[in-house]
Amino acid sequence: MKPYFLAFIIAFLLLFCKKTDQEIPAEWVKISENVQFKESQHSFDLKSGKFSYQISKSKLPLKKVMLLNASLVGYFNELGLQDKIIGISSPEYVYSEKIHQLLGEGKIQNIGNEQKYDVEKIIALKPDAIFTNYIANFDNTYDLLKKNGIELIFMDEYLEQDPLAKSKYLLLFGKLFAAEENATLKFEEIRKNYESLKNLAQKSKTKPLILANEIYGNQWFLPGGKTNFARLVSDANANYINAENHDSRAIPMSFEEVFAKAENAEIWVNAGNHQSKKELLQINPNYAKMNVFKYGRIYTVTGKEKGKSNDYFESGIVRADLVLKDYIKIFHPELLPNDELIYMKELK
């Protein structure tokens, strides 16, 4: 009787453990507050902003996809996944030489632009998925594509206010394309470089006051104190004129408001894509009244610009370490005497 009872107990425990294992949900991997994913035996679950996806494991890894935003190209370049792209919109805004090579060879198709996507071509090419930022005005197009069995994955990396969170999206793409090991290595390299540069910046005894962006029409959109830009300035050991603000978005201000805030600013960065200070004045002659224009230094994001494309908005999205390095070079040139600027360029 005893052996039978023991066998019953063992069988019960095995059954209970098996059932418990099945019921315990996989842990969510947190990329950021906006993006998390987890894997189960049969599906890959993804949360991206307000959108949720459950992708069958049978559909992974993804083999052919389309991109509707040039900013997402940086992730594919970093992981060497350019050959997985079969369609891209507005290729004139793409900086990557490899992508343009594949376009020339016909391996990547031009699928239109934000004014008019070539929906028929997209449907005919049957991509495994389309990656894009979510734009409410295109809901009708999104619905049409979904009705034709196309998976749309919205990735709003531009909403991330932690520079390394944008870089961490590499881990997600690594999972979707069976490139986990490479993605982990790349992200860890970027993270370590970033932390090392941040520590280097702390060695400077000076903290210059920084102004950013430029006026459009009658409004100067100044990044809030909780934005990605404000974080980069802080990590580069400088003071930002709007650091005390608690917004994670750009704040529209008048020229007069910014003029007052920037009275003691020493360096002006992200001043558009102008080619000279003279050209900058043609946009707004009032710039000439600003001390930073008269006595400081001004930098644009034209270091890697080609036609309508700009690598700052492509690889710069992924390589937070290189963007930080540029800012440190600008704010504390003595710390990086042998390095050249990558994305930024001084305006003369």
Protein backbone atom coordinates (compact mmCIF):
# COMPACT_ATOMS: atom_id res chain seq x y z
CA MET A 1 0.00 0.00 0.00
CA LYS A 2 2.81 2.34 0.94
CA PRO A 3 4.55 2.16 -2.51
CA TYR A 4 1.24 2.91 -4.25
CA PHE A 5 0.61 5.88 -1.99
CA LEU A 6 4.14 7.18 -2.60
CA ALA A 7 3.68 6.81 -6.35
CA PHE A 8 0.40 8.71 -6.11
CA ILE A 9 2.07 11.57 -4.22
CA ILE A 10 4.90 11.78 -6.77
CA ALA A 11 2.46 11.76 -9.67
CA PHE A 12 0.36 14.47 -7.98
CA LEU A 13 3.40 16.66 -7.35
CA LEU A 14 4.61 16.25 -10.93
CA LEU A 15 1.17 17.15 -12.24
CA PHE A 16 0.90 20.12 -9.86
CA CYS A 17 4.35 21.42 -10.77
CA LYS A 18 3.62 21.05 -14.47
CA LYS A 19 0.33 22.90 -14.10
CA THR A 20 1.97 25.60 -11.98
CA ASP A 21 4.74 26.08 -14.54
CA GLN A 22 2.14 26.54 -17.25
CA GLU A 23 0.22 29.10 -15.23
CA ILE A 24 3.18 31.25 -14.17
CA PRO A 25 3.40 34.03 -16.78
CA ALA A 26 6.76 34.84 -18.33
CA GLU A 27 8.44 37.92 -16.92
CA TRP A 28 8.08 41.14 -18.87
CA VAL A 29 11.37 42.51 -20.16
CA LYS A 30 11.29 46.25 -19.66
CA ILE A 31 12.88 48.34 -22.39
CA SER A 32 11.35 51.53 -21.00
CA GLU A 33 8.11 52.76 -19.46
CA ASN A 34 6.67 52.70 -22.98
CA VAL A 35 7.94 49.37 -24.26
CA GLN A 36 7.99 45.89 -22.70
CA PHE A 37 7.95 42.37 -24.10
CA LYS A 38 7.73 38.78 -22.90
CA GLU A 39 7.88 35.35 -24.45
CA SER A 40 5.76 32.28 -23.88
CA GLN A 41 5.91 28.89 -25.52
CA HIS A 42 3.72 29.89 -28.44
CA SER A 43 3.77 33.69 -28.62
CA PHE A 44 5.81 36.86 -28.34
CA ASP A 45 3.88 39.56 -26.47
CA LEU A 46 4.76 43.21 -26.95
CA LYS A 47 3.48 46.41 -25.35
CA SER A 48 4.40 49.59 -27.17
CA GLY A 49 2.73 52.71 -25.83
CA LYS A 50 -1.02 52.19 -25.92
CA PHE A 51 -0.71 49.27 -28.34
CA SER A 52 -0.39 45.58 -27.51
CA TYR A 53 0.65 42.75 -29.82
CA GLN A 54 0.66 38.98 -29.60
CA ILE A 55 2.85 37.56 -32.35
CA SER A 56 2.85 33.83 -32.97
CA LYS A 57 6.26 32.23 -32.47
CA SER A 58 5.71 30.53 -35.83
CA LYS A 59 6.06 33.96 -37.50
CA LEU A 60 9.44 34.67 -35.86
CA PRO A 61 12.07 35.56 -36.70
CA LEU A 62 10.74 38.22 -39.05
CA LYS A 63 12.25 37.86 -42.52
CA LYS A 64 10.90 40.76 -44.57
CA VAL A 65 9.67 44.07 -43.15
CA MET A 66 8.95 47.65 -44.13
CA LEU A 67 9.83 50.92 -42.42
CA LEU A 68 7.80 54.10 -42.60
CA ASN A 69 10.27 56.19 -40.56
CA ALA A 70 13.93 56.94 -41.32
CA SER A 71 14.65 57.10 -37.57
CA LEU A 72 14.09 53.32 -37.33
CA VAL A 73 16.74 52.60 -39.96
CA GLY A 74 19.45 53.16 -37.35
CA TYR A 75 18.50 49.99 -35.47
CA PHE A 76 18.72 47.85 -38.61
CA ASN A 77 22.08 49.35 -39.55
CA GLU A 78 23.48 48.79 -36.07
CA LEU A 79 22.46 45.11 -36.11
CA GLY A 80 23.32 44.49 -39.77
CA LEU A 81 19.70 43.69 -40.61
CA GLN A 82 19.37 45.86 -43.71
CA ASP A 83 18.65 42.79 -45.85
CA LYS A 84 15.44 42.20 -43.87
CA ILE A 85 13.98 45.46 -45.21
CA ILE A 86 11.95 45.09 -48.42
CA GLY A 87 10.26 48.50 -48.45
CA ILE A 88 10.88 51.98 -47.09
CA SER A 89 9.05 55.28 -47.35
CA SER A 90 10.65 58.63 -48.20
CA PRO A 91 14.10 57.15 -48.96
CA GLU A 92 15.44 60.63 -49.67
CA TYR A 93 15.46 61.14 -45.88
CA VAL A 94 17.54 57.99 -45.28
CA TYR A 95 21.26 58.57 -44.69
CA SER A 96 22.49 54.95 -44.78
CA GLU A 97 24.62 54.14 -47.84
CA LYS A 98 23.77 50.44 -47.48
CA ILE A 99 20.04 51.16 -47.69
CA HIS A 100 20.53 53.26 -50.80
CA GLN A 101 22.64 50.49 -52.32
CA LEU A 102 19.82 47.98 -51.73
CA LEU A 103 17.32 50.46 -53.16
CA GLY A 104 19.46 50.78 -56.28
CA GLU A 105 19.62 46.99 -56.61
CA GLY A 106 15.83 46.74 -56.32
CA LYS A 107 16.04 44.70 -53.12
CA ILE A 108 14.28 47.49 -51.20
CA GLN A 109 11.26 49.21 -52.75
CA ASN A 110 10.22 52.84 -52.40
CA ILE A 111 6.71 52.61 -50.92
CA GLY A 112 5.77 56.30 -51.09
CA ASN A 113 5.77 58.99 -48.45
CA GLU A 114 3.61 60.50 -45.71
CA GLN A 115 1.57 62.37 -48.31
CA LYS A 116 0.68 59.14 -50.10
CA TYR A 117 1.84 55.64 -49.26
CA ASP A 118 1.74 53.14 -52.14
CA VAL A 119 -0.75 50.85 -50.43
CA GLU A 120 -1.13 48.54 -53.44
CA LYS A 121 2.62 47.94 -53.61
CA ILE A 122 2.80 47.36 -49.84
CA ILE A 123 0.02 44.75 -49.98
CA ALA A 124 1.54 43.06 -53.04
CA LEU A 125 4.96 42.72 -51.36
CA LYS A 126 3.36 40.99 -48.34
CA PRO A 127 5.73 42.09 -45.57
CA ASP A 128 5.83 40.12 -42.32
CA ALA A 129 5.41 43.44 -40.51
CA ILE A 130 5.58 47.21 -40.92
CA PHE A 131 7.36 49.33 -38.32
CA THR A 132 6.32 52.95 -37.97
CA ASN A 133 5.69 55.79 -35.55
CA TYR A 134 1.98 56.11 -34.85
CA ILE A 135 0.32 59.07 -36.58
CA ALA A 136 -3.43 59.38 -35.95
CA ASN A 137 -4.08 60.98 -39.35
CA PHE A 138 -3.12 57.70 -41.04
CA ASP A 139 -5.60 55.51 -39.17
CA ASN A 140 -7.56 54.79 -42.36
CA THR A 141 -4.39 53.58 -44.09
CA TYR A 142 -3.43 51.49 -41.07
CA ASP A 143 -6.90 49.88 -41.03
CA LEU A 144 -6.70 49.04 -44.73
CA LEU A 145 -3.31 47.38 -44.28
CA LYS A 146 -4.51 45.42 -41.25
CA LYS A 147 -7.56 44.19 -43.19
CA ASN A 148 -5.13 42.78 -45.75
CA GLY A 149 -3.36 40.75 -43.07
CA ILE A 150 -0.37 43.01 -42.55
CA GLU A 151 1.02 43.40 -39.02
CA LEU A 152 1.63 47.03 -38.07
CA ILE A 153 3.98 47.57 -35.12
CA PHE A 154 4.06 51.10 -33.76
CA MET A 155 7.42 52.10 -32.30
CA ASP A 156 7.48 55.64 -30.91
CA GLU A 157 11.13 55.83 -29.88
CA TYR A 158 11.01 59.62 -30.12
CA LEU A 159 8.88 59.67 -26.94
CA GLU A 160 11.72 58.23 -24.87
CA GLN A 161 13.33 60.82 -22.63
CA ASP A 162 16.18 58.62 -21.41
CA PRO A 163 18.89 58.55 -24.12
CA LEU A 164 19.84 54.95 -23.33
CA ALA A 165 16.21 53.81 -23.50
CA LYS A 166 16.25 54.61 -27.22
CA SER A 167 19.42 52.56 -27.58
CA LYS A 168 17.83 49.69 -25.64
CA TYR A 169 15.28 49.15 -28.41
CA LEU A 170 18.12 47.14 -29.97
CA LEU A 171 17.19 44.31 -27.60
CA LEU A 172 13.64 44.25 -28.94
CA PHE A 173 14.75 44.16 -32.56
CA GLY A 174 17.25 41.47 -31.61
CA LYS A 175 14.39 39.30 -30.35
CA LEU A 176 12.20 39.88 -33.40
CA PHE A 177 14.97 39.05 -35.87
CA ALA A 178 16.83 36.29 -33.98
CA ALA A 179 19.81 38.58 -33.38
CA GLU A 180 19.70 38.57 -29.57
CA GLU A 181 23.40 38.00 -28.96
CA ASN A 182 24.50 40.76 -31.32
CA ALA A 183 21.85 43.14 -29.94
CA THR A 184 22.97 42.54 -26.36
CA LEU A 185 26.62 43.08 -27.26
CA LYS A 186 25.82 46.29 -29.14
CA PHE A 187 23.63 47.71 -26.39
CA GLU A 188 26.12 46.87 -23.65
CA GLU A 189 28.87 48.55 -25.66
CA ILE A 190 26.77 51.70 -26.05
CA ARG A 191 25.75 51.68 -22.37
CA LYS A 192 29.31 51.24 -21.11
CA ASN A 193 30.62 53.94 -23.46
CA TYR A 194 27.86 56.29 -22.31
CA GLU A 195 28.57 55.73 -18.61
CA SER A 196 32.32 56.12 -19.17
CA LEU A 197 31.81 59.41 -21.04
CA LYS A 198 29.40 60.64 -18.37
CA ASN A 199 32.04 59.97 -15.71
CA LEU A 200 34.67 61.72 -17.82
CA ALA A 201 32.47 64.82 -18.09
CA GLN A 202 32.32 65.11 -14.30
CA LYS A 203 36.07 65.82 -14.26
CA SER A 204 35.54 69.26 -15.75
CA LYS A 205 35.51 72.11 -13.27
CA THR A 206 33.36 74.28 -15.53
CA LYS A 207 29.65 73.96 -16.33
CA PRO A 208 28.70 76.24 -19.23
CA LEU A 209 25.14 77.49 -19.61
CA ILE A 210 23.43 76.02 -22.69
CA LEU A 211 20.73 77.31 -25.06
CA ALA A 212 19.02 74.98 -27.56
CA ASN A 213 16.93 74.96 -30.75
CA GLU A 214 15.76 78.02 -32.66
CA ILE A 215 12.66 80.07 -33.33
CA TYR A 216 10.04 78.96 -35.87
CA GLY A 217 7.67 81.71 -36.87
CA ASN A 218 6.91 83.46 -33.59
CA GLN A 219 7.66 80.55 -31.28
CA TRP A 220 10.85 79.11 -29.87
CA PHE A 221 10.29 75.48 -28.92
CA LEU A 222 12.61 75.08 -25.95
CA PRO A 223 13.07 71.49 -24.68
CA GLY A 224 11.56 70.93 -21.26
CA GLY A 225 13.71 70.10 -18.25
CA LYS A 226 12.73 66.42 -18.32
CA THR A 227 13.45 65.81 -22.00
CA ASN A 228 16.03 63.61 -23.65
CA PHE A 229 18.01 66.74 -24.52
CA ALA A 230 18.02 68.08 -20.96
CA ARG A 231 19.27 64.68 -19.74
CA LEU A 232 22.12 64.72 -22.27
CA VAL A 233 23.18 68.21 -21.20
CA SER A 234 23.15 67.18 -17.55
CA ASP A 235 25.13 64.00 -18.27
CA ALA A 236 27.63 66.10 -20.23
CA ASN A 237 28.09 68.18 -17.04
CA ALA A 238 26.64 71.47 -18.26
CA ASN A 239 23.78 73.71 -17.14
CA TYR A 240 20.68 74.10 -19.28
CA ILE A 241 18.67 77.34 -19.28
CA ASN A 242 15.38 75.43 -18.93
CA ALA A 243 16.55 72.75 -16.50
CA GLU A 244 14.14 73.82 -13.77
CA ASN A 245 11.16 73.06 -16.02
CA HIS A 246 9.33 69.78 -15.32
CA ASP A 247 7.99 69.03 -18.81
CA SER A 248 9.10 66.13 -21.00
CA ARG A 249 8.20 68.00 -24.18
CA ALA A 250 9.29 71.15 -25.98
CA ILE A 251 7.74 74.32 -24.54
CA PRO A 252 6.67 77.06 -26.99
CA MET A 253 8.07 80.42 -25.89
CA SER A 254 8.34 83.88 -27.38
CA PHE A 255 11.69 85.31 -28.45
CA GLU A 256 11.53 87.71 -25.51
CA GLU A 257 11.10 84.88 -23.00
CA VAL A 258 14.04 82.93 -24.39
CA PHE A 259 16.12 86.11 -24.70
CA ALA A 260 15.72 86.72 -20.96
CA LYS A 261 16.45 83.09 -20.03
CA ALA A 262 19.51 82.95 -22.28
CA GLU A 263 21.09 86.21 -21.12
CA ASN A 264 24.13 84.39 -19.70
CA ALA A 265 24.17 81.42 -22.09
CA GLU A 266 27.66 80.62 -23.37
CA ILE A 267 26.91 77.92 -25.93
CA TRP A 268 23.98 77.46 -28.31
CA VAL A 269 23.42 73.94 -29.67
CA ASN A 270 20.94 72.24 -32.04
CA ALA A 271 20.53 75.53 -33.88
CA GLY A 272 18.91 73.97 -36.93
CA ASN A 273 20.79 73.01 -40.09
CA HIS A 274 22.07 76.43 -41.15
CA GLN A 275 25.41 76.86 -42.89
CA SER A 276 26.53 80.19 -41.38
CA LYS A 277 25.69 82.76 -38.72
CA LYS A 278 24.70 85.10 -41.52
CA GLU A 279 22.13 82.58 -42.72
CA LEU A 280 20.85 82.22 -39.16
CA LEU A 281 20.27 85.98 -38.98
CA GLN A 282 18.21 85.84 -42.15
CA ILE A 283 15.75 83.64 -40.25
CA ASN A 284 15.49 86.14 -37.40
CA PRO A 285 17.59 89.33 -37.21
CA ASN A 286 16.85 89.52 -33.46
CA TYR A 287 19.42 86.76 -32.88
CA ALA A 288 22.07 89.46 -33.25
CA LYS A 289 20.90 90.96 -29.93
CA MET A 290 21.69 87.77 -28.00
CA ASN A 291 24.94 87.58 -26.05
CA VAL A 292 25.45 83.96 -27.04
CA PHE A 293 25.26 84.99 -30.71
CA LYS A 294 27.72 87.86 -30.20
CA TYR A 295 30.20 86.26 -27.82
CA GLY A 296 29.45 82.55 -27.53
CA ARG A 297 29.67 79.50 -29.74
CA ILE A 298 26.86 78.11 -31.91
CA TYR A 299 26.48 74.54 -33.16
CA THR A 300 24.11 72.96 -35.67
CA VAL A 301 23.34 69.27 -36.27
CA THR A 302 24.85 69.23 -39.77
CA GLY A 303 27.97 67.14 -39.11
CA LYS A 304 26.58 64.15 -41.05
CA GLU A 305 24.09 65.66 -43.44
CA LYS A 306 23.59 64.56 -47.04
CA GLY A 307 20.84 66.11 -49.16
CA LYS A 308 17.62 65.82 -47.17
CA SER A 309 19.03 63.12 -44.90
CA ASN A 310 20.79 63.59 -41.57
CA ASP A 311 22.47 60.79 -39.67
CA TYR A 312 21.83 62.56 -36.36
CA PHE A 313 18.19 61.44 -36.77
CA GLU A 314 19.21 57.94 -37.83
CA SER A 315 22.28 56.43 -36.15
CA GLY A 316 22.11 59.22 -33.57
CA ILE A 317 18.84 57.73 -32.29
CA VAL A 318 20.65 54.49 -31.46
CA ARG A 319 24.13 55.74 -30.53
CA ALA A 320 23.37 57.76 -27.43
CA ASP A 321 27.04 57.44 -26.51
CA LEU A 322 28.19 59.26 -29.66
CA VAL A 323 25.67 62.06 -29.18
CA LEU A 324 26.84 62.50 -25.57
CA LYS A 325 30.43 62.50 -26.79
CA ASP A 326 29.67 65.37 -29.17
CA TYR A 327 28.14 67.43 -26.38
CA ILE A 328 31.11 66.79 -24.09
CA LYS A 329 33.47 67.79 -26.89
CA ILE A 330 31.50 71.04 -27.28
CA PHE A 331 31.07 71.84 -23.57
CA HIS A 332 34.48 70.59 -22.37
CA PRO A 333 36.84 70.36 -25.37
CA GLU A 334 39.84 69.89 -23.07
CA LEU A 335 38.51 66.46 -22.05
CA LEU A 336 38.50 65.09 -25.63
CA PRO A 337 41.40 66.93 -27.30
CA ASN A 338 41.95 64.32 -30.02
CA ASP A 339 38.33 63.68 -30.98
CA GLU A 340 36.36 65.28 -33.78
CA LEU A 341 32.66 66.13 -33.69
CA ILE A 342 30.41 63.55 -35.34
CA TYR A 343 26.88 64.93 -35.62
CA MET A 344 27.45 68.56 -34.61
CA LYS A 345 29.19 71.35 -36.48
CA GLU A 346 30.24 74.80 -35.29
CA LEU A 347 28.54 77.68 -37.06
CA LYS A 348 30.88 80.39 -38.29
